[in-house]
Amino acid sequence: MKKEKDEITDLFRTRLADTGMTVREGFWEELSQDIPVACQHRRRLLLFRVAAAASVLLVLAASSATFWYLSPKDEIEEAFTQIAVTHGGALDGDGVRVNQLPQPVQPVLAKPSPRSYGMLSQHVEAEDSVSISFSMSFTFSSTSSVGNDSRMKRRNDYWQATNEQPDLETVTEQKDAANAPLQAKMEKEHHWAMKAQIGTALPAENGTYKMPVSAGVTIERKLNNFLGIETGLLYSNLRSEEQALHYLGIPVKLNITLANTKKVDVYASVGGIVDKCIGGAPDNSFKEEPIQLAVTAGIGINYKINDQLALFAEPGISHHFSTDSKLATVRTKRPTNFNLLCGIRMTY
């Protein structure tokens, strides 16, 4: 069987040894040009897939953070605290634990006097005395005002009736102590903020170099009531008619609060950004595509939806310094450009 296969193989080799196929003129030149284009297309497709996966992860992270930071953690903690305290003792109207009323002393009935029936007398033994014991606990959550004959006053961790007049200073102190947790909660400040943002800038040379698109996530830390520092990651896509370059940058900015109201905040922002080309160029090495530096400045406006969520818009101006890169982009054709950033700001 093997011998027959070898004979058939030798027959094909003998008959097809001088067989050839002619191709059209310029075929091999076109093939040599199409191979790099196909490789570049595959790399671009892979980069788009990575960017899409990163966008999905970003949306999931932002949604999880929004759900976590908007959840009523203080109310849940307060509810669990009340349950734990309730099992250990009763609560008065101010949320302060009050011990139960002490057990009263068992009353001892006096020995009855002997009853006389003419010449006979009958005695009742004290052994049948009746003892009554009870305990009661009350929870007061409202303020009542009655006459001078009956008033409630707190003594030794329980409530008892008294005829004394209430002290105005004492009542004021009790009200302040009851409202202290609420005031502390209202005055609680948020020192951290996460910003999910997208942005763009002006095109160059009548649309030959299109408007760049950027997206990123930054973290802001409040240093005091007026100053805050911000940094994170920022992706930029610089497009033209012949190429599409992808950059990844690290912005560092200082935010200065100019006005702070209940619904709107106005701030100024100054800083810079460090960019590096990561895709789209023939050679993305640091030698061919070095790091590009830029300075930024702008004015931002925050519109507060609630205590932890706000929308912001930040128009500004940027200037990108020239590098040794041989590729022309919108940043080389228009180094000083106007840009706009907008997005969501979540504080915690």
C-alpha atoms as a PDB file:
ATOM      1  CA  MET A   1       0.000   0.000   0.000  1.00  0.00           C
ATOM      2  CA  LYS A   2       2.827   2.348   0.872  1.00  0.00           C
ATOM      3  CA  LYS A   3       4.602   1.473  -2.361  1.00  0.00           C
ATOM      4  CA  GLU A   4       1.518   2.422  -4.412  1.00  0.00           C
ATOM      5  CA  LYS A   5       1.300   5.797  -2.668  1.00  0.00           C
ATOM      6  CA  ASP A   6       4.962   6.494  -3.383  1.00  0.00           C
ATOM      7  CA  GLU A   7       4.437   5.666  -7.059  1.00  0.00           C
ATOM      8  CA  ILE A   8       1.479   8.058  -7.284  1.00  0.00           C
ATOM      9  CA  THR A   9       3.495  10.800  -5.577  1.00  0.00           C
ATOM     10  CA  ASP A  10       6.411  10.312  -7.965  1.00  0.00           C
ATOM     11  CA  LEU A  11       4.018  10.405 -10.925  1.00  0.00           C
ATOM     12  CA  PHE A  12       2.611  13.795  -9.812  1.00  0.00           C
ATOM     13  CA  ARG A  13       6.072  15.197  -9.220  1.00  0.00           C
ATOM     14  CA  THR A  14       7.249  14.064 -12.674  1.00  0.00           C
ATOM     15  CA  ARG A  15       4.252  15.475 -14.544  1.00  0.00           C
ATOM     16  CA  LEU A  16       4.024  18.790 -12.573  1.00  0.00           C
ATOM     17  CA  ALA A  17       7.747  19.508 -12.315  1.00  0.00           C
ATOM     18  CA  ASP A  18       7.772  22.131 -15.086  1.00  0.00           C
ATOM     19  CA  THR A  19       4.277  23.487 -14.451  1.00  0.00           C
ATOM     20  CA  GLY A  20       4.041  27.220 -13.615  1.00  0.00           C
ATOM     21  CA  MET A  21       1.420  29.977 -13.329  1.00  0.00           C
ATOM     22  CA  THR A  22       1.821  33.479 -14.637  1.00  0.00           C
ATOM     23  CA  VAL A  23       0.530  36.422 -12.611  1.00  0.00           C
ATOM     24  CA  ARG A  24      -0.420  39.863 -13.758  1.00  0.00           C
ATOM     25  CA  GLU A  25       2.095  42.627 -13.822  1.00  0.00           C
ATOM     26  CA  GLY A  26       2.589  44.385 -10.496  1.00  0.00           C
ATOM     27  CA  PHE A  27       1.023  41.569  -8.447  1.00  0.00           C
ATOM     28  CA  TRP A  28       4.008  41.055  -6.169  1.00  0.00           C
ATOM     29  CA  GLU A  29       4.404  44.818  -5.556  1.00  0.00           C
ATOM     30  CA  GLU A  30       0.755  45.114  -4.535  1.00  0.00           C
ATOM     31  CA  LEU A  31       1.091  42.082  -2.250  1.00  0.00           C
ATOM     32  CA  SER A  32       4.154  43.556  -0.541  1.00  0.00           C
ATOM     33  CA  GLN A  33       2.188  46.790   0.081  1.00  0.00           C
ATOM     34  CA  ASP A  34      -0.950  45.039   1.337  1.00  0.00           C
ATOM     35  CA  ILE A  35       0.819  42.914   3.968  1.00  0.00           C
ATOM     36  CA  PRO A  36       1.869  45.888   6.226  1.00  0.00           C
ATOM     37  CA  VAL A  37      -1.611  47.399   5.838  1.00  0.00           C
ATOM     38  CA  ALA A  38      -3.207  44.137   6.981  1.00  0.00           C
ATOM     39  CA  CYS A  39      -0.842  43.917   9.957  1.00  0.00           C
ATOM     40  CA  GLN A  40      -1.594  47.512  10.909  1.00  0.00           C
ATOM     41  CA  HIS A  41      -5.336  46.849  10.586  1.00  0.00           C
ATOM     42  CA  ARG A  42      -5.031  43.825  12.866  1.00  0.00           C
ATOM     43  CA  ARG A  43      -3.136  45.873  15.465  1.00  0.00           C
ATOM     44  CA  ARG A  44      -5.714  48.628  15.259  1.00  0.00           C
ATOM     45  CA  LEU A  45      -8.548  46.115  15.680  1.00  0.00           C
ATOM     46  CA  LEU A  46      -6.809  44.633  18.733  1.00  0.00           C
ATOM     47  CA  LEU A  47      -6.348  48.103  20.220  1.00  0.00           C
ATOM     48  CA  PHE A  48     -10.018  48.925  19.692  1.00  0.00           C
ATOM     49  CA  ARG A  49     -10.996  45.709  21.467  1.00  0.00           C
ATOM     50  CA  VAL A  50      -8.784  46.570  24.412  1.00  0.00           C
ATOM     51  CA  ALA A  51     -10.248  50.088  24.522  1.00  0.00           C
ATOM     52  CA  ALA A  52     -13.791  48.663  24.428  1.00  0.00           C
ATOM     53  CA  ALA A  53     -13.005  46.267  27.284  1.00  0.00           C
ATOM     54  CA  ALA A  54     -11.484  49.136  29.282  1.00  0.00           C
ATOM     55  CA  SER A  55     -14.588  51.262  28.648  1.00  0.00           C
ATOM     56  CA  VAL A  56     -16.856  48.466  29.899  1.00  0.00           C
ATOM     57  CA  LEU A  57     -14.723  48.057  33.030  1.00  0.00           C
ATOM     58  CA  LEU A  58     -14.814  51.830  33.538  1.00  0.00           C
ATOM     59  CA  VAL A  59     -18.613  51.928  33.299  1.00  0.00           C
ATOM     60  CA  LEU A  60     -18.927  48.982  35.703  1.00  0.00           C
ATOM     61  CA  ALA A  61     -16.538  50.596  38.174  1.00  0.00           C
ATOM     62  CA  ALA A  62     -18.364  53.936  37.979  1.00  0.00           C
ATOM     63  CA  SER A  63     -21.753  52.226  38.453  1.00  0.00           C
ATOM     64  CA  SER A  64     -20.486  50.210  41.433  1.00  0.00           C
ATOM     65  CA  ALA A  65     -18.945  53.286  42.999  1.00  0.00           C
ATOM     66  CA  THR A  66     -22.167  55.272  42.466  1.00  0.00           C
ATOM     67  CA  PHE A  67     -24.263  52.523  44.061  1.00  0.00           C
ATOM     68  CA  TRP A  68     -21.856  52.242  46.991  1.00  0.00           C
ATOM     69  CA  TYR A  69     -21.499  55.953  47.664  1.00  0.00           C
ATOM     70  CA  LEU A  70     -25.206  56.707  47.267  1.00  0.00           C
ATOM     71  CA  SER A  71     -26.283  53.901  49.595  1.00  0.00           C
ATOM     72  CA  PRO A  72     -27.564  55.206  52.990  1.00  0.00           C
ATOM     73  CA  LYS A  73     -24.679  53.806  55.047  1.00  0.00           C
ATOM     74  CA  ASP A  74     -25.322  56.138  58.001  1.00  0.00           C
ATOM     75  CA  GLU A  75     -29.007  55.193  58.208  1.00  0.00           C
ATOM     76  CA  ILE A  76     -28.188  51.466  58.028  1.00  0.00           C
ATOM     77  CA  GLU A  77     -25.530  51.821  60.725  1.00  0.00           C
ATOM     78  CA  GLU A  78     -27.940  53.794  62.915  1.00  0.00           C
ATOM     79  CA  ALA A  79     -30.650  51.148  62.478  1.00  0.00           C
ATOM     80  CA  PHE A  80     -28.282  48.325  63.496  1.00  0.00           C
ATOM     81  CA  THR A  81     -27.113  50.414  66.463  1.00  0.00           C
ATOM     82  CA  GLN A  82     -30.693  50.910  67.640  1.00  0.00           C
ATOM     83  CA  ILE A  83     -31.389  47.176  67.353  1.00  0.00           C
ATOM     84  CA  ALA A  84     -28.264  46.335  69.367  1.00  0.00           C
ATOM     85  CA  VAL A  85     -29.118  48.886  72.061  1.00  0.00           C
ATOM     86  CA  THR A  86     -32.749  47.755  72.225  1.00  0.00           C
ATOM     87  CA  HIS A  87     -31.685  44.219  73.132  1.00  0.00           C
ATOM     88  CA  GLY A  88     -29.536  45.635  75.956  1.00  0.00           C
ATOM     89  CA  GLY A  89     -32.060  48.105  77.423  1.00  0.00           C
ATOM     90  CA  ALA A  90     -34.823  50.601  76.699  1.00  0.00           C
ATOM     91  CA  LEU A  91     -34.279  53.883  74.846  1.00  0.00           C
ATOM     92  CA  ASP A  92     -35.687  57.240  75.885  1.00  0.00           C
ATOM     93  CA  GLY A  93     -36.763  59.963  73.445  1.00  0.00           C
ATOM     94  CA  ASP A  94     -33.191  61.203  72.910  1.00  0.00           C
ATOM     95  CA  GLY A  95     -31.863  57.772  71.991  1.00  0.00           C
ATOM     96  CA  VAL A  96     -30.081  57.395  75.386  1.00  0.00           C
ATOM     97  CA  ARG A  97     -30.205  54.103  77.156  1.00  0.00           C
ATOM     98  CA  VAL A  98     -32.330  54.195  80.275  1.00  0.00           C
ATOM     99  CA  ASN A  99     -32.210  51.496  82.919  1.00  0.00           C
ATOM    100  CA  GLN A 100     -35.406  49.851  83.948  1.00  0.00           C
ATOM    101  CA  LEU A 101     -37.197  51.098  87.014  1.00  0.00           C
ATOM    102  CA  PRO A 102     -35.925  49.497  90.220  1.00  0.00           C
ATOM    103  CA  GLN A 103     -38.137  46.905  91.824  1.00  0.00           C
ATOM    104  CA  PRO A 104     -40.188  48.498  94.588  1.00  0.00           C
ATOM    105  CA  VAL A 105     -40.031  47.165  98.077  1.00  0.00           C
ATOM    106  CA  GLN A 106     -42.695  44.617  98.739  1.00  0.00           C
ATOM    107  CA  PRO A 107     -45.268  46.199 101.030  1.00  0.00           C
ATOM    108  CA  VAL A 108     -46.045  44.373 104.249  1.00  0.00           C
ATOM    109  CA  LEU A 109     -49.597  44.735 105.412  1.00  0.00           C
ATOM    110  CA  ALA A 110     -50.063  45.679 108.999  1.00  0.00           C
ATOM    111  CA  LYS A 111     -51.336  43.036 111.356  1.00  0.00           C
ATOM    112  CA  PRO A 112     -55.052  43.455 111.599  1.00  0.00           C
ATOM    113  CA  SER A 113     -56.551  44.175 114.969  1.00  0.00           C
ATOM    114  CA  PRO A 114     -58.457  41.348 116.618  1.00  0.00           C
ATOM    115  CA  ARG A 115     -62.095  41.198 115.945  1.00  0.00           C
ATOM    116  CA  SER A 116     -64.434  40.859 118.939  1.00  0.00           C
ATOM    117  CA  TYR A 117     -67.681  39.069 118.972  1.00  0.00           C
ATOM    118  CA  GLY A 118     -68.988  39.529 122.443  1.00  0.00           C
ATOM    119  CA  MET A 119     -66.912  37.308 124.701  1.00  0.00           C
ATOM    120  CA  LEU A 120     -64.869  35.806 121.804  1.00  0.00           C
ATOM    121  CA  SER A 121     -62.004  37.373 119.957  1.00  0.00           C
ATOM    122  CA  GLN A 122     -60.501  36.286 116.642  1.00  0.00           C
ATOM    123  CA  HIS A 123     -56.931  36.976 115.423  1.00  0.00           C
ATOM    124  CA  VAL A 124     -55.726  36.919 111.785  1.00  0.00           C
ATOM    125  CA  GLU A 125     -52.177  35.740 111.348  1.00  0.00           C
ATOM    126  CA  ALA A 126     -49.726  37.919 109.400  1.00  0.00           C
ATOM    127  CA  GLU A 127     -48.537  34.916 107.464  1.00  0.00           C
ATOM    128  CA  ASP A 128     -51.222  35.521 104.825  1.00  0.00           C
ATOM    129  CA  SER A 129     -49.906  38.967 103.975  1.00  0.00           C
ATOM    130  CA  VAL A 130     -50.105  39.914 100.318  1.00  0.00           C
ATOM    131  CA  SER A 131     -47.043  41.132  98.420  1.00  0.00           C
ATOM    132  CA  ILE A 132     -47.405  43.048  95.153  1.00  0.00           C
ATOM    133  CA  SER A 133     -44.484  43.717  92.857  1.00  0.00           C
ATOM    134  CA  PHE A 134     -44.482  45.160  89.362  1.00  0.00           C
ATOM    135  CA  SER A 135     -42.151  46.962  87.032  1.00  0.00           C
ATOM    136  CA  MET A 136     -42.946  49.365  84.221  1.00  0.00           C
ATOM    137  CA  SER A 137     -40.786  51.009  81.593  1.00  0.00           C
ATOM    138  CA  PHE A 138     -41.763  53.908  79.357  1.00  0.00           C
ATOM    139  CA  THR A 139     -40.305  55.334  76.169  1.00  0.00           C
ATOM    140  CA  PHE A 140     -40.986  59.003  75.575  1.00  0.00           C
ATOM    141  CA  SER A 141     -40.502  60.387  72.066  1.00  0.00           C
ATOM    142  CA  SER A 142     -42.549  63.608  72.311  1.00  0.00           C
ATOM    143  CA  THR A 143     -42.604  66.667  74.534  1.00  0.00           C
ATOM    144  CA  SER A 144     -45.696  67.236  76.619  1.00  0.00           C
ATOM    145  CA  SER A 145     -46.674  70.320  78.589  1.00  0.00           C
ATOM    146  CA  VAL A 146     -48.990  70.023  81.593  1.00  0.00           C
ATOM    147  CA  GLY A 147     -49.797  72.059  84.646  1.00  0.00           C
ATOM    148  CA  ASN A 148     -47.556  72.683  87.628  1.00  0.00           C
ATOM    149  CA  ASP A 149     -49.138  69.832  89.581  1.00  0.00           C
ATOM    150  CA  SER A 150     -47.626  67.020  87.458  1.00  0.00           C
ATOM    151  CA  ARG A 151     -44.292  67.219  85.571  1.00  0.00           C
ATOM    152  CA  MET A 152     -41.818  64.569  84.488  1.00  0.00           C
ATOM    153  CA  LYS A 153     -38.162  64.904  85.465  1.00  0.00           C
ATOM    154  CA  ARG A 154     -35.263  62.543  84.835  1.00  0.00           C
ATOM    155  CA  ARG A 155     -33.436  61.396  87.963  1.00  0.00           C
ATOM    156  CA  ASN A 156     -30.918  58.600  88.358  1.00  0.00           C
ATOM    157  CA  ASP A 157     -31.480  57.238  84.817  1.00  0.00           C
ATOM    158  CA  TYR A 158     -35.270  56.911  85.114  1.00  0.00           C
ATOM    159  CA  TRP A 159     -38.286  59.180  84.917  1.00  0.00           C
ATOM    160  CA  GLN A 160     -40.330  60.220  87.948  1.00  0.00           C
ATOM    161  CA  ALA A 161     -43.031  62.726  88.714  1.00  0.00           C
ATOM    162  CA  THR A 162     -42.040  66.030  90.258  1.00  0.00           C
ATOM    163  CA  ASN A 163     -43.644  69.346  91.028  1.00  0.00           C
ATOM    164  CA  GLU A 164     -40.468  71.355  90.295  1.00  0.00           C
ATOM    165  CA  GLN A 165     -40.408  73.880  87.459  1.00  0.00           C
ATOM    166  CA  PRO A 166     -38.239  72.818  84.433  1.00  0.00           C
ATOM    167  CA  ASP A 167     -34.982  74.691  84.009  1.00  0.00           C
ATOM    168  CA  LEU A 168     -34.844  76.504  80.644  1.00  0.00           C
ATOM    169  CA  GLU A 169     -31.077  76.097  80.407  1.00  0.00           C
ATOM    170  CA  THR A 170     -31.345  72.358  81.052  1.00  0.00           C
ATOM    171  CA  VAL A 171     -34.016  71.976  78.368  1.00  0.00           C
ATOM    172  CA  THR A 172     -31.859  73.893  75.886  1.00  0.00           C
ATOM    173  CA  GLU A 173     -28.830  71.702  76.633  1.00  0.00           C
ATOM    174  CA  GLN A 174     -30.922  68.559  76.159  1.00  0.00           C
ATOM    175  CA  LYS A 175     -32.179  69.804  72.791  1.00  0.00           C
ATOM    176  CA  ASP A 176     -28.639  70.682  71.663  1.00  0.00           C
ATOM    177  CA  ALA A 177     -27.398  67.237  72.720  1.00  0.00           C
ATOM    178  CA  ALA A 178     -30.240  65.574  70.792  1.00  0.00           C
ATOM    179  CA  ASN A 179     -29.534  67.603  67.651  1.00  0.00           C
ATOM    180  CA  ALA A 180     -25.735  67.239  67.846  1.00  0.00           C
ATOM    181  CA  PRO A 181     -25.550  63.974  65.783  1.00  0.00           C
ATOM    182  CA  LEU A 182     -27.795  65.464  63.081  1.00  0.00           C
ATOM    183  CA  GLN A 183     -25.752  68.664  62.917  1.00  0.00           C
ATOM    184  CA  ALA A 184     -22.508  66.676  62.767  1.00  0.00           C
ATOM    185  CA  LYS A 185     -23.928  64.602  59.905  1.00  0.00           C
ATOM    186  CA  MET A 186     -25.028  67.729  58.004  1.00  0.00           C
ATOM    187  CA  GLU A 187     -21.631  69.368  58.519  1.00  0.00           C
ATOM    188  CA  LYS A 188     -19.711  66.280  57.383  1.00  0.00           C
ATOM    189  CA  GLU A 189     -17.333  67.192  54.587  1.00  0.00           C
ATOM    190  CA  HIS A 190     -16.220  65.008  51.709  1.00  0.00           C
ATOM    191  CA  HIS A 191     -12.457  65.084  51.135  1.00  0.00           C
ATOM    192  CA  TRP A 192     -12.218  62.677  48.150  1.00  0.00           C
ATOM    193  CA  ALA A 193     -13.852  62.836  44.718  1.00  0.00           C
ATOM    194  CA  MET A 194     -13.740  60.642  41.604  1.00  0.00           C
ATOM    195  CA  LYS A 195     -14.327  62.250  38.190  1.00  0.00           C
ATOM    196  CA  ALA A 196     -15.266  60.344  35.020  1.00  0.00           C
ATOM    197  CA  GLN A 197     -14.775  62.711  32.090  1.00  0.00           C
ATOM    198  CA  ILE A 198     -14.702  63.059  28.322  1.00  0.00           C
ATOM    199  CA  GLY A 199     -13.280  65.961  26.331  1.00  0.00           C
ATOM    200  CA  THR A 200     -12.379  67.443  22.963  1.00  0.00           C
ATOM    201  CA  ALA A 201     -10.549  70.388  21.372  1.00  0.00           C
ATOM    202  CA  LEU A 202     -10.556  72.462  18.170  1.00  0.00           C
ATOM    203  CA  PRO A 203      -9.434  70.896  14.829  1.00  0.00           C
ATOM    204  CA  ALA A 204      -6.573  72.227  12.682  1.00  0.00           C
ATOM    205  CA  GLU A 205      -6.003  73.143   9.020  1.00  0.00           C
ATOM    206  CA  ASN A 206      -9.666  73.303   8.019  1.00  0.00           C
ATOM    207  CA  GLY A 207     -10.516  69.845   9.319  1.00  0.00           C
ATOM    208  CA  THR A 208      -7.491  68.010   7.921  1.00  0.00           C
ATOM    209  CA  TYR A 209      -6.586  67.221  11.527  1.00  0.00           C
ATOM    210  CA  LYS A 210      -9.877  66.373  13.192  1.00  0.00           C
ATOM    211  CA  MET A 211     -11.079  67.258  16.676  1.00  0.00           C
ATOM    212  CA  PRO A 212      -9.217  65.089  19.221  1.00  0.00           C
ATOM    213  CA  VAL A 213     -11.270  62.958  21.610  1.00  0.00           C
ATOM    214  CA  SER A 214     -10.214  62.148  25.176  1.00  0.00           C
ATOM    215  CA  ALA A 215     -11.675  60.112  28.054  1.00  0.00           C
ATOM    216  CA  GLY A 216     -10.372  59.318  31.500  1.00  0.00           C
ATOM    217  CA  VAL A 217     -10.814  58.910  35.248  1.00  0.00           C
ATOM    218  CA  THR A 218      -9.214  61.164  37.849  1.00  0.00           C
ATOM    219  CA  ILE A 219      -9.145  61.304  41.660  1.00  0.00           C
ATOM    220  CA  GLU A 220      -9.312  64.594  43.574  1.00  0.00           C
ATOM    221  CA  ARG A 221      -8.184  65.129  47.182  1.00  0.00           C
ATOM    222  CA  LYS A 222      -9.330  68.227  49.057  1.00  0.00           C
ATOM    223  CA  LEU A 223      -6.446  69.777  50.990  1.00  0.00           C
ATOM    224  CA  ASN A 224      -8.668  72.359  52.688  1.00  0.00           C
ATOM    225  CA  ASN A 225     -11.855  74.311  51.968  1.00  0.00           C
ATOM    226  CA  PHE A 226     -10.303  76.081  48.971  1.00  0.00           C
ATOM    227  CA  LEU A 227      -7.536  73.873  47.508  1.00  0.00           C
ATOM    228  CA  GLY A 228      -7.569  70.389  45.987  1.00  0.00           C
ATOM    229  CA  ILE A 229      -5.123  68.282  43.963  1.00  0.00           C
ATOM    230  CA  GLU A 230      -6.235  66.010  41.095  1.00  0.00           C
ATOM    231  CA  THR A 231      -4.544  63.237  39.092  1.00  0.00           C
ATOM    232  CA  GLY A 232      -5.441  60.071  37.177  1.00  0.00           C
ATOM    233  CA  LEU A 233      -5.306  58.574  33.654  1.00  0.00           C
ATOM    234  CA  LEU A 234      -6.418  60.209  30.386  1.00  0.00           C
ATOM    235  CA  TYR A 235      -6.713  58.510  26.950  1.00  0.00           C
ATOM    236  CA  SER A 236      -6.561  60.672  23.790  1.00  0.00           C
ATOM    237  CA  ASN A 237      -7.244  59.846  20.123  1.00  0.00           C
ATOM    238  CA  LEU A 238      -5.672  62.177  17.535  1.00  0.00           C
ATOM    239  CA  ARG A 239      -7.130  61.627  14.054  1.00  0.00           C
ATOM    240  CA  SER A 240      -6.349  62.922  10.609  1.00  0.00           C
ATOM    241  CA  GLU A 241      -7.143  61.849   7.043  1.00  0.00           C
ATOM    242  CA  GLU A 242      -4.170  59.466   6.956  1.00  0.00           C
ATOM    243  CA  GLN A 243      -3.605  58.280  10.521  1.00  0.00           C
ATOM    244  CA  ALA A 244      -5.101  57.762  13.980  1.00  0.00           C
ATOM    245  CA  LEU A 245      -2.729  58.024  16.934  1.00  0.00           C
ATOM    246  CA  HIS A 246      -3.505  56.829  20.467  1.00  0.00           C
ATOM    247  CA  TYR A 247      -2.028  58.539  23.529  1.00  0.00           C
ATOM    248  CA  LEU A 248      -2.131  57.754  27.254  1.00  0.00           C
ATOM    249  CA  GLY A 249      -1.479  60.595  29.675  1.00  0.00           C
ATOM    250  CA  ILE A 250      -1.221  61.401  33.382  1.00  0.00           C
ATOM    251  CA  PRO A 251      -2.712  64.803  34.283  1.00  0.00           C
ATOM    252  CA  VAL A 252      -1.817  66.680  37.482  1.00  0.00           C
ATOM    253  CA  LYS A 253      -3.900  69.726  38.370  1.00  0.00           C
ATOM    254  CA  LEU A 254      -4.472  72.091  41.289  1.00  0.00           C
ATOM    255  CA  ASN A 255      -8.110  73.145  41.785  1.00  0.00           C
ATOM    256  CA  ILE A 256      -8.890  76.440  43.569  1.00  0.00           C
ATOM    257  CA  THR A 257     -12.472  77.016  44.778  1.00  0.00           C
ATOM    258  CA  LEU A 258     -13.746  80.492  43.827  1.00  0.00           C
ATOM    259  CA  ALA A 259     -17.397  80.238  44.895  1.00  0.00           C
ATOM    260  CA  ASN A 260     -19.355  77.608  46.823  1.00  0.00           C
ATOM    261  CA  THR A 261     -23.151  77.583  47.008  1.00  0.00           C
ATOM    262  CA  LYS A 262     -25.768  74.974  47.830  1.00  0.00           C
ATOM    263  CA  LYS A 263     -26.163  73.863  44.193  1.00  0.00           C
ATOM    264  CA  VAL A 264     -23.260  75.342  42.183  1.00  0.00           C
ATOM    265  CA  ASP A 265     -19.489  75.472  42.743  1.00  0.00           C
ATOM    266  CA  VAL A 266     -17.071  77.539  40.642  1.00  0.00           C
ATOM    267  CA  TYR A 267     -13.346  76.747  40.639  1.00  0.00           C
ATOM    268  CA  ALA A 268     -10.140  77.501  38.713  1.00  0.00           C
ATOM    269  CA  SER A 269      -7.769  74.772  37.554  1.00  0.00           C
ATOM    270  CA  VAL A 270      -4.056  74.941  36.621  1.00  0.00           C
ATOM    271  CA  GLY A 271      -1.646  72.091  35.948  1.00  0.00           C
ATOM    272  CA  GLY A 272      -0.055  69.948  33.279  1.00  0.00           C
ATOM    273  CA  ILE A 273      -0.144  66.567  31.558  1.00  0.00           C
ATOM    274  CA  VAL A 274       2.416  63.982  30.407  1.00  0.00           C
ATOM    275  CA  ASP A 275       1.414  62.093  27.199  1.00  0.00           C
ATOM    276  CA  LYS A 276       2.943  59.047  25.465  1.00  0.00           C
ATOM    277  CA  CYS A 277       1.954  57.572  22.082  1.00  0.00           C
ATOM    278  CA  ILE A 278       0.924  53.922  22.592  1.00  0.00           C
ATOM    279  CA  GLY A 279      -0.525  53.038  19.172  1.00  0.00           C
ATOM    280  CA  GLY A 280      -1.012  54.104  15.563  1.00  0.00           C
ATOM    281  CA  ALA A 281       2.563  55.199  14.817  1.00  0.00           C
ATOM    282  CA  PRO A 282       4.996  53.074  12.722  1.00  0.00           C
ATOM    283  CA  ASP A 283       7.285  52.937  15.767  1.00  0.00           C
ATOM    284  CA  ASN A 284       5.876  53.639  19.238  1.00  0.00           C
ATOM    285  CA  SER A 285       9.244  53.516  21.029  1.00  0.00           C
ATOM    286  CA  PHE A 286      10.428  56.360  23.232  1.00  0.00           C
ATOM    287  CA  LYS A 287      13.094  57.199  20.633  1.00  0.00           C
ATOM    288  CA  GLU A 288      10.702  57.715  17.719  1.00  0.00           C
ATOM    289  CA  GLU A 289       7.714  58.905  19.783  1.00  0.00           C
ATOM    290  CA  PRO A 290       9.064  60.627  22.913  1.00  0.00           C
ATOM    291  CA  ILE A 291       6.988  61.858  25.842  1.00  0.00           C
ATOM    292  CA  GLN A 292       5.016  65.010  25.129  1.00  0.00           C
ATOM    293  CA  LEU A 293       4.480  67.649  27.847  1.00  0.00           C
ATOM    294  CA  ALA A 294       1.696  70.214  28.082  1.00  0.00           C
ATOM    295  CA  VAL A 295       0.362  72.865  30.489  1.00  0.00           C
ATOM    296  CA  THR A 296      -3.362  73.448  31.068  1.00  0.00           C
ATOM    297  CA  ALA A 297      -5.585  76.063  32.706  1.00  0.00           C
ATOM    298  CA  GLY A 298      -9.335  76.469  32.920  1.00  0.00           C
ATOM    299  CA  ILE A 299     -12.480  77.397  34.813  1.00  0.00           C
ATOM    300  CA  GLY A 300     -14.807  74.655  36.116  1.00  0.00           C
ATOM    301  CA  ILE A 301     -18.445  74.604  37.203  1.00  0.00           C
ATOM    302  CA  ASN A 302     -20.021  71.885  39.383  1.00  0.00           C
ATOM    303  CA  TYR A 303     -23.806  71.422  39.499  1.00  0.00           C
ATOM    304  CA  LYS A 304     -24.734  69.349  42.567  1.00  0.00           C
ATOM    305  CA  ILE A 305     -27.479  66.794  42.041  1.00  0.00           C
ATOM    306  CA  ASN A 306     -27.240  65.676  45.676  1.00  0.00           C
ATOM    307  CA  ASP A 307     -24.657  65.583  48.452  1.00  0.00           C
ATOM    308  CA  GLN A 308     -22.463  63.010  46.668  1.00  0.00           C
ATOM    309  CA  LEU A 309     -23.171  63.370  42.916  1.00  0.00           C
ATOM    310  CA  ALA A 310     -22.558  66.356  40.638  1.00  0.00           C
ATOM    311  CA  LEU A 311     -22.193  67.228  36.953  1.00  0.00           C
ATOM    312  CA  PHE A 312     -19.238  69.369  35.887  1.00  0.00           C
ATOM    313  CA  ALA A 313     -18.026  71.261  32.832  1.00  0.00           C
ATOM    314  CA  GLU A 314     -14.473  72.599  32.535  1.00  0.00           C
ATOM    315  CA  PRO A 315     -13.603  74.817  29.540  1.00  0.00           C
ATOM    316  CA  GLY A 316      -9.953  75.777  29.307  1.00  0.00           C
ATOM    317  CA  ILE A 317      -6.812  76.257  27.263  1.00  0.00           C
ATOM    318  CA  SER A 318      -3.757  74.024  26.772  1.00  0.00           C
ATOM    319  CA  HIS A 319      -0.319  74.344  25.206  1.00  0.00           C
ATOM    320  CA  HIS A 320       1.651  71.283  23.990  1.00  0.00           C
ATOM    321  CA  PHE A 321       5.411  71.573  23.673  1.00  0.00           C
ATOM    322  CA  SER A 322       7.149  70.328  20.518  1.00  0.00           C
ATOM    323  CA  THR A 323       8.995  66.984  20.455  1.00  0.00           C
ATOM    324  CA  ASP A 324      11.317  65.067  18.107  1.00  0.00           C
ATOM    325  CA  SER A 325       8.420  63.089  16.648  1.00  0.00           C
ATOM    326  CA  LYS A 326       8.239  63.118  12.838  1.00  0.00           C
ATOM    327  CA  LEU A 327       4.443  62.678  12.785  1.00  0.00           C
ATOM    328  CA  ALA A 328       2.214  65.719  12.352  1.00  0.00           C
ATOM    329  CA  THR A 329      -0.860  65.922  14.590  1.00  0.00           C
ATOM    330  CA  VAL A 330      -3.386  68.513  15.647  1.00  0.00           C
ATOM    331  CA  ARG A 331      -1.066  69.287  18.565  1.00  0.00           C
ATOM    332  CA  THR A 332       1.830  70.176  16.244  1.00  0.00           C
ATOM    333  CA  LYS A 333      -0.371  72.176  13.864  1.00  0.00           C
ATOM    334  CA  ARG A 334      -2.199  73.966  16.724  1.00  0.00           C
ATOM    335  CA  PRO A 335       0.043  73.798  19.836  1.00  0.00           C
ATOM    336  CA  THR A 336      -2.117  76.237  21.800  1.00  0.00           C
ATOM    337  CA  ASN A 337      -5.708  75.051  21.678  1.00  0.00           C
ATOM    338  CA  PHE A 338      -9.038  75.524  23.411  1.00  0.00           C
ATOM    339  CA  ASN A 339     -10.532  72.404  24.994  1.00  0.00           C
ATOM    340  CA  LEU A 340     -13.593  71.310  26.961  1.00  0.00           C
ATOM    341  CA  LEU A 341     -13.945  68.601  29.614  1.00  0.00           C
ATOM    342  CA  CYS A 342     -17.254  67.460  31.071  1.00  0.00           C
ATOM    343  CA  GLY A 343     -18.484  64.486  33.091  1.00  0.00           C
ATOM    344  CA  ILE A 344     -19.666  63.208  36.476  1.00  0.00           C
ATOM    345  CA  ARG A 345     -18.093  63.964  39.863  1.00  0.00           C
ATOM    346  CA  MET A 346     -18.713  61.619  42.813  1.00  0.00           C
ATOM    347  CA  THR A 347     -17.618  62.667  46.318  1.00  0.00           C
ATOM    348  CA  TYR A 348     -17.069  60.459  49.346  1.00  0.00           C
END
